[in-house]
């Protein structure tokens, strides 16, 4: 998978990289197990939850590089 972007669907990212669950949690995205996450983009979820999508994407990509 290429670098993660805000347009990617959370469920697809986690299917490809289940190890990123912790990074989602550590950045305030606690609802990754809800049904909406299977069709919701990172940007949409961040907007709904008042999170900084750019910061989350940066953290996810950093975790992939680690």
C-alpha atoms as a PDB file:
ATOM      1  CA  UNK A   1       0.000   0.000   0.000  1.00  0.00           C
ATOM      2  CA  UNK A   2       1.224   3.489  -0.820  1.00  0.00           C
ATOM      3  CA  UNK A   3       1.330   6.269   1.722  1.00  0.00           C
ATOM      4  CA  UNK A   4      -1.906   6.706   3.631  1.00  0.00           C
ATOM      5  CA  UNK A   5      -4.052   9.700   2.689  1.00  0.00           C
ATOM      6  CA  UNK A   6      -7.139  11.282   4.233  1.00  0.00           C
ATOM      7  CA  UNK A   7      -9.241  10.007   1.325  1.00  0.00           C
ATOM      8  CA  UNK A   8      -8.617   6.362   2.211  1.00  0.00           C
ATOM      9  CA  UNK A   9     -11.340   4.300   3.873  1.00  0.00           C
ATOM     10  CA  UNK A  10     -10.507   3.401   7.459  1.00  0.00           C
ATOM     11  CA  UNK A  11     -11.638  -0.211   7.067  1.00  0.00           C
ATOM     12  CA  UNK A  12      -9.429  -0.705   4.003  1.00  0.00           C
ATOM     13  CA  UNK A  13      -6.402   0.783   5.758  1.00  0.00           C
ATOM     14  CA  UNK A  14      -6.919  -1.527   8.729  1.00  0.00           C
ATOM     15  CA  UNK A  15      -7.474  -4.574   6.538  1.00  0.00           C
ATOM     16  CA  UNK A  16      -4.105  -3.901   4.918  1.00  0.00           C
ATOM     17  CA  UNK A  17      -2.338  -2.776   8.114  1.00  0.00           C
ATOM     18  CA  UNK A  18      -4.049  -4.112  11.261  1.00  0.00           C
ATOM     19  CA  UNK A  19      -1.027  -3.016  13.292  1.00  0.00           C
ATOM     20  CA  UNK A  20      -2.225   0.594  12.870  1.00  0.00           C
ATOM     21  CA  UNK A  21      -5.136   0.074  15.281  1.00  0.00           C
ATOM     22  CA  UNK A  22      -2.933   1.345  18.102  1.00  0.00           C
ATOM     23  CA  UNK A  23      -1.972   4.455  16.125  1.00  0.00           C
ATOM     24  CA  UNK A  24      -5.623   5.242  15.448  1.00  0.00           C
ATOM     25  CA  UNK A  25      -6.368   4.842  19.186  1.00  0.00           C
ATOM     26  CA  UNK A  26      -3.374   6.917  20.260  1.00  0.00           C
ATOM     27  CA  UNK A  27      -4.588   9.748  18.053  1.00  0.00           C
ATOM     28  CA  UNK A  28      -8.137   9.857  19.391  1.00  0.00           C
ATOM     29  CA  UNK A  29      -9.863   7.675  16.798  1.00  0.00           C
ATOM     30  CA  UNK A  30     -11.572   5.212  19.119  1.00  0.00           C
ATOM     31  CA  UNK A  31     -14.458   4.201  16.879  1.00  0.00           C
ATOM     32  CA  UNK A  32     -12.524   2.171  14.328  1.00  0.00           C
ATOM     33  CA  UNK A  33     -14.568  -0.925  15.117  1.00  0.00           C
ATOM     34  CA  UNK A  34     -17.906   0.694  14.344  1.00  0.00           C
ATOM     35  CA  UNK A  35     -19.683  -0.234  11.117  1.00  0.00           C
ATOM     36  CA  UNK A  36     -19.267   3.286   9.696  1.00  0.00           C
ATOM     37  CA  UNK A  37     -15.494   2.867   9.630  1.00  0.00           C
ATOM     38  CA  UNK A  38     -15.867   0.259   6.906  1.00  0.00           C
ATOM     39  CA  UNK A  39     -17.047   2.903   4.450  1.00  0.00           C
ATOM     40  CA  UNK A  40     -15.862   6.163   5.967  1.00  0.00           C
ATOM     41  CA  UNK A  41     -12.720   7.981   4.907  1.00  0.00           C
ATOM     42  CA  UNK A  42     -10.152   9.146   7.422  1.00  0.00           C
ATOM     43  CA  UNK A  43     -11.097  12.748   6.572  1.00  0.00           C
ATOM     44  CA  UNK A  44     -14.817  12.117   7.164  1.00  0.00           C
ATOM     45  CA  UNK A  45     -14.201  10.383  10.490  1.00  0.00           C
ATOM     46  CA  UNK A  46     -11.865  13.138  11.661  1.00  0.00           C
ATOM     47  CA  UNK A  47     -14.424  15.790  10.767  1.00  0.00           C
ATOM     48  CA  UNK A  48     -17.169  13.977  12.688  1.00  0.00           C
ATOM     49  CA  UNK A  49     -14.953  13.506  15.748  1.00  0.00           C
ATOM     50  CA  UNK A  50     -13.261  16.902  15.687  1.00  0.00           C
ATOM     51  CA  UNK A  51      -9.798  15.486  15.040  1.00  0.00           C
ATOM     52  CA  UNK A  52      -6.954  16.854  12.931  1.00  0.00           C
ATOM     53  CA  UNK A  53      -6.917  14.633   9.848  1.00  0.00           C
ATOM     54  CA  UNK A  54      -3.474  15.777   8.756  1.00  0.00           C
ATOM     55  CA  UNK A  55      -1.977  14.906  12.138  1.00  0.00           C
ATOM     56  CA  UNK A  56      -3.608  11.475  12.100  1.00  0.00           C
ATOM     57  CA  UNK A  57      -2.390  10.718   8.578  1.00  0.00           C
ATOM     58  CA  UNK A  58       1.128  11.850   9.526  1.00  0.00           C
ATOM     59  CA  UNK A  59       1.065   9.539  12.550  1.00  0.00           C
ATOM     60  CA  UNK A  60      -0.214   6.609  10.504  1.00  0.00           C
ATOM     61  CA  UNK A  61       2.476   7.054   7.855  1.00  0.00           C
ATOM     62  CA  UNK A  62       5.163   7.429  10.534  1.00  0.00           C
ATOM     63  CA  UNK A  63       3.993   4.182  12.137  1.00  0.00           C
ATOM     64  CA  UNK A  64       4.255   2.409   8.783  1.00  0.00           C
ATOM     65  CA  UNK A  65       7.822   3.619   8.374  1.00  0.00           C
ATOM     66  CA  UNK A  66       8.867   2.530  11.875  1.00  0.00           C
END
